[in-house]
Structures are given as C-alpha cells and as structure tokens.
Protein backbone atom coordinates (compact mmCIF):
# COMPACT_ATOMS: atom_id res chain seq x y z
CA MET A 1 0.87 0.12 -0.23
CA GLY A 2 1.65 3.55 -1.39
CA ILE A 3 2.28 6.55 1.24
CA THR A 4 -1.13 8.41 -0.27
CA GLN A 5 -3.27 4.84 0.15
CA SER A 6 -2.30 4.36 3.34
CA LYS A 7 -2.93 8.66 4.33
CA ARG A 8 -6.36 8.27 2.22
CA LEU A 9 -7.40 5.28 5.59
CA ASP A 10 -6.00 7.54 8.08
CA GLN A 11 -7.99 10.61 7.11
CA ALA A 12 -11.29 7.71 6.80
CA ARG A 13 -11.04 6.51 9.93
CA ARG A 14 -10.32 10.06 11.52
CA LEU A 15 -13.99 11.09 9.94
CA ARG A 16 -15.24 8.18 11.27
CA ARG A 17 -14.22 8.92 14.88
CA VAL A 18 -15.15 12.99 13.82
CA GLN A 19 -18.78 12.82 12.44
CA THR A 20 -21.11 14.98 12.35
CA PRO A 21 -24.21 14.67 14.90
CA ALA A 22 -25.93 14.56 11.46
CA GLU A 23 -24.34 11.71 10.34
CA ALA A 24 -24.29 10.20 13.41
CA ARG A 25 -27.58 10.45 12.93
CA LEU A 26 -27.98 8.77 9.58
CA TRP A 27 -25.85 6.14 10.13
CA SER A 28 -28.53 4.94 13.06
CA GLY A 29 -30.77 4.08 10.30
CA LEU A 30 -28.20 2.93 8.06
CA ARG A 31 -26.01 0.52 10.35
CA ASP A 32 -25.64 -3.16 10.54
CA ARG A 33 -27.80 -3.80 7.33
CA ARG A 34 -31.43 -1.09 8.76
CA LEU A 35 -32.11 -0.45 5.66
CA GLN A 36 -34.23 -3.49 4.36
CA ASN A 37 -31.00 -5.63 4.65
CA HIS A 38 -28.91 -3.26 2.46
CA LYS A 39 -25.06 -3.12 3.46
CA PHE A 40 -23.62 0.49 4.00
CA THR A 41 -20.06 1.98 4.76
CA ARG A 42 -18.89 5.02 6.14
CA GLN A 43 -16.58 7.04 5.52
CA TYR A 44 -15.31 5.21 2.55
CA PRO A 45 -12.51 6.60 0.71
CA ILE A 46 -12.78 6.26 -2.86
CA GLY A 47 -9.50 7.55 -5.67
CA PRO A 48 -8.97 10.56 -4.11
CA TYR A 49 -12.31 11.36 -1.92
CA THR A 50 -13.46 10.27 0.88
CA VAL A 51 -17.09 10.27 0.75
CA ASP A 52 -20.06 9.99 4.09
CA PHE A 53 -21.64 6.31 3.29
CA LEU A 54 -21.53 3.74 0.83
CA CYS A 55 -23.86 1.31 -0.68
CA ARG A 56 -20.95 -0.46 -2.61
CA GLU A 57 -23.43 -3.23 -4.09
CA ALA A 58 -25.99 -0.50 -5.14
CA ARG A 59 -23.09 1.42 -5.86
CA LEU A 60 -24.39 4.80 -4.19
CA VAL A 61 -22.73 6.57 -2.26
CA VAL A 62 -24.49 8.69 0.10
CA GLU A 63 -23.80 12.56 0.90
CA VAL A 64 -24.61 14.36 4.16
CA ASP A 65 -24.52 18.44 3.55
CA GLY A 66 -24.69 20.56 5.73
CA VAL A 67 -23.57 24.57 5.65
CA THR A 68 -20.23 23.69 4.64
CA HIS A 69 -21.26 22.88 1.56
CA SER A 70 -22.71 26.66 0.31
CA THR A 71 -20.54 29.00 -1.18
CA ASP A 72 -18.80 28.78 -4.52
CA GLU A 73 -16.45 26.91 -4.22
CA GLU A 74 -17.33 25.00 -2.31
CA ILE A 75 -20.22 24.14 -4.49
CA ALA A 76 -17.20 23.90 -7.86
CA TYR A 77 -15.41 21.53 -5.48
CA ASP A 78 -18.58 19.10 -5.07
CA ASP A 79 -19.30 19.50 -8.36
CA ARG A 80 -15.40 18.05 -9.62
CA ARG A 81 -16.14 14.93 -6.42
CA SER A 82 -19.78 14.66 -8.46
CA ALA A 83 -18.19 14.10 -12.10
CA TYR A 84 -15.04 12.37 -10.26
CA LEU A 85 -17.39 9.68 -8.73
CA GLU A 86 -19.56 8.97 -11.24
CA LEU A 87 -16.92 8.76 -13.89
CA GLN A 88 -16.39 5.41 -11.66
CA GLY A 89 -19.74 4.27 -11.91
CA TYR A 90 -21.17 5.25 -8.58
CA ARG A 91 -25.14 7.90 -8.24
CA ILE A 92 -25.38 10.07 -4.97
CA LEU A 93 -27.40 11.17 -3.33
CA ARG A 94 -26.72 14.92 -1.24
CA ILE A 95 -29.10 14.78 1.29
CA LEU A 96 -29.61 17.97 3.83
CA ASN A 97 -28.67 17.93 7.30
CA ASP A 98 -31.81 19.61 8.55
CA ASP A 99 -33.81 17.36 6.44
CA ILE A 100 -31.65 14.40 8.65
CA TYR A 101 -32.97 16.19 12.05
CA ARG A 102 -36.53 16.85 10.69
CA ARG A 103 -37.61 14.61 8.45
CA PHE A 104 -35.94 11.51 9.41
CA ASP A 105 -38.18 9.03 7.70
CA ASP A 106 -38.51 10.76 4.39
CA VAL A 107 -34.94 10.64 3.69
CA MET A 108 -34.46 7.21 4.22
CA ASP A 109 -37.25 6.65 2.42
CA MET A 110 -35.23 8.40 -0.32
CA ILE A 111 -32.31 6.60 0.02
CA LEU A 112 -34.65 3.44 -0.43
CA LEU A 113 -35.97 4.84 -3.89
CA ALA A 114 -31.95 5.76 -4.89
CA LEU A 115 -31.16 2.02 -3.93
CA GLU A 116 -34.21 0.87 -6.26
CA GLY A 117 -33.00 2.57 -9.26
CA THR A 118 -36.51 5.61 -8.45
CA VAL A 119 -34.61 8.96 -7.90
CA SER A 120 -30.72 9.12 -8.53
CA HIS A 121 -30.08 12.45 -7.51
CA ALA A 122 -31.67 15.05 -4.66
CA GLN A 123 -31.16 17.90 -2.41
C-alpha cells in the first residue's frame, strides 16, 4: 500500500471518529443492514475522495451536506467530486443536515428509492 492510500485510510478512520451529529443520526438508520438489509459503510475512500456513506452493492453514495457546502468554491468542489464519482460508476444522493433532523423517515425513504434506482440525485 502506497503512502497516498495509507493517508486516505487514515483520513477515513479519523472522519469516522469525529462524525457530525447529522452523520451519526443517519448512520443509526443505515448501520447493521437496518435499511432493508442493505449494507452501508461510512467514510469510505474512493480515489482521491472520501464519501460519507456507501452501499457498494448498489454503487450508491450518500452525502450529508451542511452549511459547509454553500459557497461557490465548495459547490464547485462538490461538482468536481460528483463528476469523478459518477465516472467511476457511482450514483450520488445528497441529503441536507436539516432534512435528517426534521424529516428522518422521508430521508430513509429517499435512500430506499435511490437504492431501487428510482431516484438518482437529490438536494
């Protein structure tokens, strides 16, 4: 394993330890195959990026977006990141922190629809 890959894994491990409250809430519904037996991992490195949640079998990335995704620079970064992930064959579902707190059941339903291929992108 090269230094770069080692650094990516270290970063993913660190992110797992310091997850945001919204990520922790969503993880409570995704972990241990709680969402209709779909297996998710969290803070998973894909190429130069680390995704919040990944269902490898469905090739679905679930990203939790808070206020740190609102500036022009951050939006451009997210667009580059999404383009890279899509080129690798992943679908990306973006969930807002506020939706996780206020509409958790709807968020879980949206993820299920994305897993089924009914929904591919969301804001």
